[in-house]
Amino acid sequence: GIFHLKNILRTKWLILIGICFFFCCSFLLSHIIVDIDVIHS
């Protein structure tokens, strides 16, 4: 039950944080502008 879930969170927290970080980065990469290139001589 819930105690099994707690053990998973305690032992696999780095993997879970990595997954969350991946999804956060994916969200940012698809919604944030990091550069503006104005083209003219």
All heavy atoms as atom14 arrays in JSON, in Angstrom:
{
  "sequence": "GIFHLKNILRTKWLILIGICFFFCCSFLLSHIIVDIDVIHS",
  "atom14_mask": [
    [1, 1, 1, 1, 0, 0, 0, 0, 0, 0, 0, 0, 0, 0],
    [1, 1, 1, 1, 1, 1, 1, 1, 0, 0, 0, 0, 0, 0],
    [1, 1, 1, 1, 1, 1, 1, 1, 1, 1, 1, 0, 0, 0],
    [1, 1, 1, 1, 1, 1, 1, 1, 1, 1, 0, 0, 0, 0],
    [1, 1, 1, 1, 1, 1, 1, 1, 0, 0, 0, 0, 0, 0],
    [1, 1, 1, 1, 1, 1, 1, 1, 1, 0, 0, 0, 0, 0],
    [1, 1, 1, 1, 1, 1, 1, 1, 0, 0, 0, 0, 0, 0],
    [1, 1, 1, 1, 1, 1, 1, 1, 0, 0, 0, 0, 0, 0],
    [1, 1, 1, 1, 1, 1, 1, 1, 0, 0, 0, 0, 0, 0],
    [1, 1, 1, 1, 1, 1, 1, 1, 1, 1, 1, 0, 0, 0],
    [1, 1, 1, 1, 1, 1, 1, 0, 0, 0, 0, 0, 0, 0],
    [1, 1, 1, 1, 1, 1, 1, 1, 1, 0, 0, 0, 0, 0],
    [1, 1, 1, 1, 1, 1, 1, 1, 1, 1, 1, 1, 1, 1],
    [1, 1, 1, 1, 1, 1, 1, 1, 0, 0, 0, 0, 0, 0],
    [1, 1, 1, 1, 1, 1, 1, 1, 0, 0, 0, 0, 0, 0],
    [1, 1, 1, 1, 1, 1, 1, 1, 0, 0, 0, 0, 0, 0],
    [1, 1, 1, 1, 1, 1, 1, 1, 0, 0, 0, 0, 0, 0],
    [1, 1, 1, 1, 0, 0, 0, 0, 0, 0, 0, 0, 0, 0],
    [1, 1, 1, 1, 1, 1, 1, 1, 0, 0, 0, 0, 0, 0],
    [1, 1, 1, 1, 1, 1, 0, 0, 0, 0, 0, 0, 0, 0],
    [1, 1, 1, 1, 1, 1, 1, 1, 1, 1, 1, 0, 0, 0],
    [1, 1, 1, 1, 1, 1, 1, 1, 1, 1, 1, 0, 0, 0],
    [1, 1, 1, 1, 1, 1, 1, 1, 1, 1, 1, 0, 0, 0],
    [1, 1, 1, 1, 1, 1, 0, 0, 0, 0, 0, 0, 0, 0],
    [1, 1, 1, 1, 1, 1, 0, 0, 0, 0, 0, 0, 0, 0],
    [1, 1, 1, 1, 1, 1, 0, 0, 0, 0, 0, 0, 0, 0],
    [1, 1, 1, 1, 1, 1, 1, 1, 1, 1, 1, 0, 0, 0],
    [1, 1, 1, 1, 1, 1, 1, 1, 0, 0, 0, 0, 0, 0],
    [1, 1, 1, 1, 1, 1, 1, 1, 0, 0, 0, 0, 0, 0],
    [1, 1, 1, 1, 1, 1, 0, 0, 0, 0, 0, 0, 0, 0],
    [1, 1, 1, 1, 1, 1, 1, 1, 1, 1, 0, 0, 0, 0],
    [1, 1, 1, 1, 1, 1, 1, 1, 0, 0, 0, 0, 0, 0],
    [1, 1, 1, 1, 1, 1, 1, 1, 0, 0, 0, 0, 0, 0],
    [1, 1, 1, 1, 1, 1, 1, 0, 0, 0, 0, 0, 0, 0],
    [1, 1, 1, 1, 1, 1, 1, 1, 0, 0, 0, 0, 0, 0],
    [1, 1, 1, 1, 1, 1, 1, 1, 0, 0, 0, 0, 0, 0],
    [1, 1, 1, 1, 1, 1, 1, 1, 0, 0, 0, 0, 0, 0],
    [1, 1, 1, 1, 1, 1, 1, 0, 0, 0, 0, 0, 0, 0],
    [1, 1, 1, 1, 1, 1, 1, 1, 0, 0, 0, 0, 0, 0],
    [1, 1, 1, 1, 1, 1, 1, 1, 1, 1, 0, 0, 0, 0],
    [1, 1, 1, 1, 1, 1, 0, 0, 0, 0, 0, 0, 0, 0]
  ],
  "atom14_positions": [
    [[0.8, -1.21, 0.0], [0.0, 0.0, 0.0], [0.83, 1.27, 0.0], [1.85, 1.39, -0.69], [0.0, 0.0, 0.0], [0.0, 0.0, 0.0], [0.0, 0.0, 0.0], [0.0, 0.0, 0.0], [0.0, 0.0, 0.0], [0.0, 0.0, 0.0], [0.0, 0.0, 0.0], [0.0, 0.0, 0.0], [0.0, 0.0, 0.0], [0.0, 0.0, 0.0]],
    [[0.42, 2.22, 0.83], [1.06, 3.53, 0.87], [2.51, 3.43, 1.32], [3.37, 4.21, 0.91], [0.26, 4.49, 1.79], [0.78, 5.93, 1.64], [0.33, 4.02, 3.24], [0.51, 6.53, 0.3], [0.0, 0.0, 0.0], [0.0, 0.0, 0.0], [0.0, 0.0, 0.0], [0.0, 0.0, 0.0], [0.0, 0.0, 0.0], [0.0, 0.0, 0.0]],
    [[2.82, 2.43, 2.15], [4.18, 2.26, 2.64], [5.12, 1.78, 1.52], [6.3, 2.12, 1.49], [4.2, 1.28, 3.82], [3.46, 1.77, 5.02], [2.14, 1.4, 5.24], [4.07, 2.64, 5.91], [1.45, 1.86, 6.34], [3.38, 3.11, 7.02], [2.06, 2.72, 7.23], [0.0, 0.0, 0.0], [0.0, 0.0, 0.0], [0.0, 0.0, 0.0]],
    [[4.56, 1.01, 0.58], [5.34, 0.61, -0.59], [5.67, 1.82, -1.45], [6.8, 1.97, -1.95], [4.54, -0.42, -1.39], [5.24, -0.88, -2.63], [6.5, -1.45, -2.61], [4.84, -0.84, -3.94], [6.86, -1.75, -3.84], [5.87, -1.38, -4.67], [0.0, 0.0, 0.0], [0.0, 0.0, 0.0], [0.0, 0.0, 0.0], [0.0, 0.0, 0.0]],
    [[4.69, 2.71, -1.6], [4.92, 3.94, -2.38], [5.97, 4.82, -1.71], [6.84, 5.41, -2.37], [3.6, 4.7, -2.54], [3.66, 6.0, -3.35], [4.14, 5.73, -4.77], [2.29, 6.67, -3.39], [0.0, 0.0, 0.0], [0.0, 0.0, 0.0], [0.0, 0.0, 0.0], [0.0, 0.0, 0.0], [0.0, 0.0, 0.0], [0.0, 0.0, 0.0]],
    [[5.94, 4.92, -0.4], [6.93, 5.73, 0.32], [8.34, 5.19, 0.1], [9.3, 5.95, -0.06], [6.61, 5.73, 1.81], [5.44, 6.62, 2.2], [5.23, 6.6, 3.71], [4.09, 7.52, 4.11], [3.86, 7.51, 5.58], [0.0, 0.0, 0.0], [0.0, 0.0, 0.0], [0.0, 0.0, 0.0], [0.0, 0.0, 0.0], [0.0, 0.0, 0.0]],
    [[8.47, 3.87, 0.1], [9.79, 3.26, -0.14], [10.31, 3.58, -1.54], [11.49, 3.83, -1.73], [9.71, 1.75, 0.05], [9.79, 1.35, 1.51], [10.32, 2.11, 2.32], [9.27, 0.19, 1.84], [0.0, 0.0, 0.0], [0.0, 0.0, 0.0], [0.0, 0.0, 0.0], [0.0, 0.0, 0.0], [0.0, 0.0, 0.0], [0.0, 0.0, 0.0]],
    [[9.4, 3.54, -2.51], [9.79, 3.89, -3.89], [10.28, 5.33, -3.94], [11.33, 5.64, -4.54], [8.62, 3.67, -4.86], [8.31, 2.18, -4.98], [8.94, 4.26, -6.23], [7.11, 1.87, -5.83], [0.0, 0.0, 0.0], [0.0, 0.0, 0.0], [0.0, 0.0, 0.0], [0.0, 0.0, 0.0], [0.0, 0.0, 0.0], [0.0, 0.0, 0.0]],
    [[9.53, 6.23, -3.3], [9.92, 7.65, -3.31], [11.26, 7.85, -2.6], [12.07, 8.68, -3.01], [8.84, 8.49, -2.63], [7.5, 8.6, -3.37], [6.49, 9.37, -2.53], [7.69, 9.29, -4.72], [0.0, 0.0, 0.0], [0.0, 0.0, 0.0], [0.0, 0.0, 0.0], [0.0, 0.0, 0.0], [0.0, 0.0, 0.0], [0.0, 0.0, 0.0]],
    [[11.51, 7.08, -1.53], [12.73, 7.25, -0.77], [13.95, 6.71, -1.52], [15.04, 7.26, -1.46], [12.59, 6.56, 0.6], [13.78, 6.78, 1.52], [13.53, 6.32, 2.92], [13.27, 4.88, 2.98], [12.08, 4.34, 3.27], [11.06, 5.13, 3.54], [11.92, 3.03, 3.29], [0.0, 0.0, 0.0], [0.0, 0.0, 0.0], [0.0, 0.0, 0.0]],
    [[13.77, 5.6, -2.24], [14.92, 4.96, -2.91], [15.1, 5.42, -4.36], [16.21, 5.34, -4.89], [14.75, 3.43, -2.89], [13.51, 3.08, -3.53], [14.75, 2.91, -1.47], [0.0, 0.0, 0.0], [0.0, 0.0, 0.0], [0.0, 0.0, 0.0], [0.0, 0.0, 0.0], [0.0, 0.0, 0.0], [0.0, 0.0, 0.0], [0.0, 0.0, 0.0]],
    [[14.05, 5.9, -4.98], [14.12, 6.29, -6.4], [13.92, 7.79, -6.6], [13.53, 8.24, -7.67], [13.04, 5.53, -7.2], [13.05, 4.03, -7.01], [14.31, 3.37, -7.57], [14.22, 1.86, -7.47], [15.44, 1.18, -7.94], [0.0, 0.0, 0.0], [0.0, 0.0, 0.0], [0.0, 0.0, 0.0], [0.0, 0.0, 0.0], [0.0, 0.0, 0.0]],
    [[14.22, 8.57, -5.57], [13.91, 10.01, -5.66], [14.71, 10.71, -6.75], [14.23, 11.64, -7.41], [14.13, 10.68, -4.31], [15.54, 10.68, -3.83], [16.17, 9.72, -3.13], [16.51, 11.72, -4.02], [17.46, 10.06, -2.87], [17.7, 11.3, -3.4], [16.49, 12.96, -4.63], [18.85, 12.06, -3.39], [17.63, 13.74, -4.63], [18.79, 13.29, -4.02]],
    [[15.94, 10.26, -6.97], [16.74, 10.91, -8.02], [16.13, 10.69, -9.4], [16.07, 11.59, -10.23], [18.17, 10.36, -7.99], [19.11, 10.99, -6.96], [20.45, 10.27, -6.97], [19.3, 12.47, -7.24], [0.0, 0.0, 0.0], [0.0, 0.0, 0.0], [0.0, 0.0, 0.0], [0.0, 0.0, 0.0], [0.0, 0.0, 0.0], [0.0, 0.0, 0.0]],
    [[15.66, 9.46, -9.64], [15.03, 9.17, -10.93], [13.76, 9.98, -11.1], [13.5, 10.56, -12.17], [14.73, 7.66, -11.03], [16.03, 6.86, -11.01], [13.92, 7.34, -12.28], [15.83, 5.36, -10.99], [0.0, 0.0, 0.0], [0.0, 0.0, 0.0], [0.0, 0.0, 0.0], [0.0, 0.0, 0.0], [0.0, 0.0, 0.0], [0.0, 0.0, 0.0]],
    [[12.95, 10.08, -10.02], [11.71, 10.84, -10.1], [11.97, 12.32, -10.34], [11.29, 12.97, -11.14], [10.9, 10.65, -8.81], [10.4, 9.22, -8.56], [9.77, 9.11, -7.18], [9.38, 8.83, -9.63], [0.0, 0.0, 0.0], [0.0, 0.0, 0.0], [0.0, 0.0, 0.0], [0.0, 0.0, 0.0], [0.0, 0.0, 0.0], [0.0, 0.0, 0.0]],
    [[13.01, 12.85, -9.65], [13.36, 14.26, -9.87], [13.82, 14.46, -11.31], [13.51, 15.45, -11.96], [14.44, 14.7, -8.87], [13.84, 14.8, -7.47], [15.04, 16.05, -9.27], [14.84, 15.13, -6.38], [0.0, 0.0, 0.0], [0.0, 0.0, 0.0], [0.0, 0.0, 0.0], [0.0, 0.0, 0.0], [0.0, 0.0, 0.0], [0.0, 0.0, 0.0]],
    [[14.6, 13.49, -11.82], [15.07, 13.58, -13.2], [13.93, 13.6, -14.19], [13.93, 14.36, -15.17], [0.0, 0.0, 0.0], [0.0, 0.0, 0.0], [0.0, 0.0, 0.0], [0.0, 0.0, 0.0], [0.0, 0.0, 0.0], [0.0, 0.0, 0.0], [0.0, 0.0, 0.0], [0.0, 0.0, 0.0], [0.0, 0.0, 0.0], [0.0, 0.0, 0.0]],
    [[12.9, 12.74, -13.93], [11.74, 12.71, -14.82], [11.0, 14.05, -14.77], [10.61, 14.6, -15.81], [10.8, 11.55, -14.43], [11.49, 10.21, -14.72], [9.49, 11.64, -15.18], [10.74, 9.01, -14.19], [0.0, 0.0, 0.0], [0.0, 0.0, 0.0], [0.0, 0.0, 0.0], [0.0, 0.0, 0.0], [0.0, 0.0, 0.0], [0.0, 0.0, 0.0]],
    [[10.8, 14.57, -13.55], [10.14, 15.87, -13.42], [10.93, 16.97, -14.1], [10.36, 17.84, -14.78], [9.94, 16.21, -11.94], [8.79, 15.12, -11.08], [0.0, 0.0, 0.0], [0.0, 0.0, 0.0], [0.0, 0.0, 0.0], [0.0, 0.0, 0.0], [0.0, 0.0, 0.0], [0.0, 0.0, 0.0], [0.0, 0.0, 0.0], [0.0, 0.0, 0.0]],
    [[12.26, 16.92, -13.92], [13.12, 17.93, -14.56], [13.02, 17.85, -16.08], [12.97, 18.87, -16.76], [14.56, 17.73, -14.1], [15.53, 18.71, -14.69], [15.59, 20.02, -14.24], [16.4, 18.32, -15.7], [16.46, 20.93, -14.79], [17.29, 19.22, -16.25], [17.32, 20.53, -15.8], [0.0, 0.0, 0.0], [0.0, 0.0, 0.0], [0.0, 0.0, 0.0]],
    [[12.97, 16.62, -16.6], [12.86, 16.44, -18.05], [11.57, 17.07, -18.58], [11.58, 17.78, -19.58], [12.9, 14.95, -18.38], [12.58, 14.63, -19.81], [13.52, 14.85, -20.8], [11.32, 14.15, -20.17], [13.22, 14.58, -22.14], [11.01, 13.88, -21.48], [11.96, 14.09, -22.47], [0.0, 0.0, 0.0], [0.0, 0.0, 0.0], [0.0, 0.0, 0.0]],
    [[10.45, 16.8, -17.88], [9.18, 17.35, -18.36], [9.15, 18.87, -18.21], [8.59, 19.58, -19.06], [8.01, 16.71, -17.61], [7.67, 15.33, -18.1], [7.96, 14.22, -17.32], [7.09, 15.15, -19.34], [7.67, 12.95, -17.77], [6.79, 13.86, -19.81], [7.08, 12.76, -19.03], [0.0, 0.0, 0.0], [0.0, 0.0, 0.0], [0.0, 0.0, 0.0]],
    [[9.75, 19.39, -17.15], [9.81, 20.85, -16.99], [10.64, 21.48, -18.1], [10.25, 22.51, -18.67], [10.41, 21.21, -15.62], [9.33, 20.85, -14.23], [0.0, 0.0, 0.0], [0.0, 0.0, 0.0], [0.0, 0.0, 0.0], [0.0, 0.0, 0.0], [0.0, 0.0, 0.0], [0.0, 0.0, 0.0], [0.0, 0.0, 0.0], [0.0, 0.0, 0.0]],
    [[11.8, 20.86, -18.41], [12.64, 21.39, -19.49], [11.92, 21.31, -20.83], [11.99, 22.24, -21.64], [13.95, 20.6, -19.55], [15.09, 20.99, -18.21], [0.0, 0.0, 0.0], [0.0, 0.0, 0.0], [0.0, 0.0, 0.0], [0.0, 0.0, 0.0], [0.0, 0.0, 0.0], [0.0, 0.0, 0.0], [0.0, 0.0, 0.0], [0.0, 0.0, 0.0]],
    [[11.22, 20.2, -21.06], [10.48, 20.06, -22.31], [9.42, 21.14, -22.44], [9.21, 21.71, -23.51], [9.82, 18.67, -22.39], [10.8, 17.66, -22.35], [0.0, 0.0, 0.0], [0.0, 0.0, 0.0], [0.0, 0.0, 0.0], [0.0, 0.0, 0.0], [0.0, 0.0, 0.0], [0.0, 0.0, 0.0], [0.0, 0.0, 0.0], [0.0, 0.0, 0.0]],
    [[8.76, 21.43, -21.32], [7.74, 22.48, -21.33], [8.37, 23.84, -21.63], [7.86, 24.61, -22.45], [7.02, 22.51, -19.99], [5.97, 23.59, -19.88], [4.71, 23.4, -20.42], [6.26, 24.79, -19.24], [3.76, 24.4, -20.33], [5.3, 25.78, -19.14], [4.05, 25.58, -19.68], [0.0, 0.0, 0.0], [0.0, 0.0, 0.0], [0.0, 0.0, 0.0]],
    [[9.49, 24.13, -20.96], [10.16, 25.41, -21.17], [10.66, 25.54, -22.6], [10.53, 26.58, -23.24], [11.32, 25.57, -20.19], [10.94, 25.77, -18.72], [12.19, 25.76, -17.85], [10.17, 27.07, -18.53], [0.0, 0.0, 0.0], [0.0, 0.0, 0.0], [0.0, 0.0, 0.0], [0.0, 0.0, 0.0], [0.0, 0.0, 0.0], [0.0, 0.0, 0.0]],
    [[11.25, 24.44, -23.12], [11.8, 24.47, -24.47], [10.72, 24.73, -25.51], [11.0, 25.27, -26.58], [12.52, 23.16, -24.78], [13.82, 22.91, -24.03], [14.35, 21.52, -24.32], [14.87, 23.96, -24.38], [0.0, 0.0, 0.0], [0.0, 0.0, 0.0], [0.0, 0.0, 0.0], [0.0, 0.0, 0.0], [0.0, 0.0, 0.0], [0.0, 0.0, 0.0]],
    [[9.5, 24.35, -25.22], [8.43, 24.52, -26.19], [7.65, 25.82, -25.99], [6.8, 26.15, -26.81], [7.47, 23.33, -26.12], [6.88, 23.23, -24.84], [0.0, 0.0, 0.0], [0.0, 0.0, 0.0], [0.0, 0.0, 0.0], [0.0, 0.0, 0.0], [0.0, 0.0, 0.0], [0.0, 0.0, 0.0], [0.0, 0.0, 0.0], [0.0, 0.0, 0.0]],
    [[7.93, 26.56, -24.91], [7.14, 27.76, -24.63], [7.96, 29.03, -24.4], [7.38, 30.11, -24.31], [6.25, 27.53, -23.4], [5.12, 26.57, -23.64], [5.3, 25.19, -23.6], [3.82, 26.78, -23.96], [4.14, 24.61, -23.85], [3.23, 25.53, -24.08], [0.0, 0.0, 0.0], [0.0, 0.0, 0.0], [0.0, 0.0, 0.0], [0.0, 0.0, 0.0]],
    [[9.31, 28.9, -24.29], [10.12, 30.09, -23.97], [10.95, 30.49, -25.18], [11.45, 29.64, -25.91], [11.05, 29.78, -22.78], [10.2, 29.59, -21.54], [12.11, 30.83, -22.58], [10.39, 30.55, -20.44], [0.0, 0.0, 0.0], [0.0, 0.0, 0.0], [0.0, 0.0, 0.0], [0.0, 0.0, 0.0], [0.0, 0.0, 0.0], [0.0, 0.0, 0.0]],
    [[11.09, 31.8, -25.36], [11.94, 32.34, -26.42], [13.27, 32.75, -25.8], [13.31, 33.5, -24.83], [11.28, 33.56, -27.09], [10.06, 33.12, -27.9], [12.27, 34.29, -27.98], [10.38, 32.22, -29.07], [0.0, 0.0, 0.0], [0.0, 0.0, 0.0], [0.0, 0.0, 0.0], [0.0, 0.0, 0.0], [0.0, 0.0, 0.0], [0.0, 0.0, 0.0]],
    [[14.38, 32.24, -26.36], [15.7, 32.56, -25.81], [16.51, 33.47, -26.73], [17.56, 33.97, -26.34], [16.51, 31.29, -25.52], [15.8, 30.42, -24.51], [16.79, 30.5, -26.79], [0.0, 0.0, 0.0], [0.0, 0.0, 0.0], [0.0, 0.0, 0.0], [0.0, 0.0, 0.0], [0.0, 0.0, 0.0], [0.0, 0.0, 0.0], [0.0, 0.0, 0.0]],
    [[16.04, 33.69, -27.96], [16.82, 34.53, -28.88], [15.89, 35.14, -29.91], [14.85, 34.56, -30.26], [17.91, 33.71, -29.57], [18.95, 34.58, -30.26], [19.01, 35.78, -29.93], [19.66, 34.07, -31.13], [0.0, 0.0, 0.0], [0.0, 0.0, 0.0], [0.0, 0.0, 0.0], [0.0, 0.0, 0.0], [0.0, 0.0, 0.0], [0.0, 0.0, 0.0]],
    [[16.28, 36.32, -30.39], [15.53, 37.02, -31.46], [16.54, 37.43, -32.52], [17.49, 38.15, -32.23], [14.8, 38.26, -30.92], [13.79, 37.85, -29.83], [14.08, 38.99, -32.05], [13.15, 39.0, -29.11], [0.0, 0.0, 0.0], [0.0, 0.0, 0.0], [0.0, 0.0, 0.0], [0.0, 0.0, 0.0], [0.0, 0.0, 0.0], [0.0, 0.0, 0.0]],
    [[16.34, 36.95, -33.73], [17.26, 37.22, -34.83], [16.57, 38.14, -35.84], [15.66, 37.71, -36.55], [17.67, 35.9, -35.5], [18.79, 36.09, -36.51], [19.31, 37.22, -36.6], [19.13, 35.12, -37.22], [0.0, 0.0, 0.0], [0.0, 0.0, 0.0], [0.0, 0.0, 0.0], [0.0, 0.0, 0.0], [0.0, 0.0, 0.0], [0.0, 0.0, 0.0]],
    [[16.97, 39.4, -35.83], [16.41, 40.38, -36.77], [17.32, 40.43, -37.98], [18.5, 40.8, -37.87], [16.28, 41.77, -36.12], [15.7, 42.77, -37.1], [15.41, 41.68, -34.87], [0.0, 0.0, 0.0], [0.0, 0.0, 0.0], [0.0, 0.0, 0.0], [0.0, 0.0, 0.0], [0.0, 0.0, 0.0], [0.0, 0.0, 0.0], [0.0, 0.0, 0.0]],
    [[16.8, 40.09, -39.15], [17.61, 39.96, -40.36], [17.38, 41.16, -41.27], [16.29, 41.36, -41.79], [17.26, 38.66, -41.1], [17.51, 37.45, -40.19], [18.07, 38.53, -42.38], [17.06, 36.14, -40.78], [0.0, 0.0, 0.0], [0.0, 0.0, 0.0], [0.0, 0.0, 0.0], [0.0, 0.0, 0.0], [0.0, 0.0, 0.0], [0.0, 0.0, 0.0]],
    [[18.44, 41.96, -41.45], [18.43, 43.06, -42.42], [19.84, 43.61, -42.52], [20.6, 43.58, -41.54], [17.46, 44.17, -42.02], [17.11, 45.09, -43.15], [17.85, 46.21, -43.44], [16.12, 45.04, -44.06], [17.31, 46.82, -44.49], [16.25, 46.13, -44.88], [0.0, 0.0, 0.0], [0.0, 0.0, 0.0], [0.0, 0.0, 0.0], [0.0, 0.0, 0.0]],
    [[20.2, 44.1, -43.68], [21.56, 44.59, -43.89], [21.8, 45.95, -43.25], [22.93, 46.31, -42.94], [21.86, 44.67, -45.39], [20.93, 45.52, -46.04], [0.0, 0.0, 0.0], [0.0, 0.0, 0.0], [0.0, 0.0, 0.0], [0.0, 0.0, 0.0], [0.0, 0.0, 0.0], [0.0, 0.0, 0.0], [0.0, 0.0, 0.0], [0.0, 0.0, 0.0]]
  ]
}
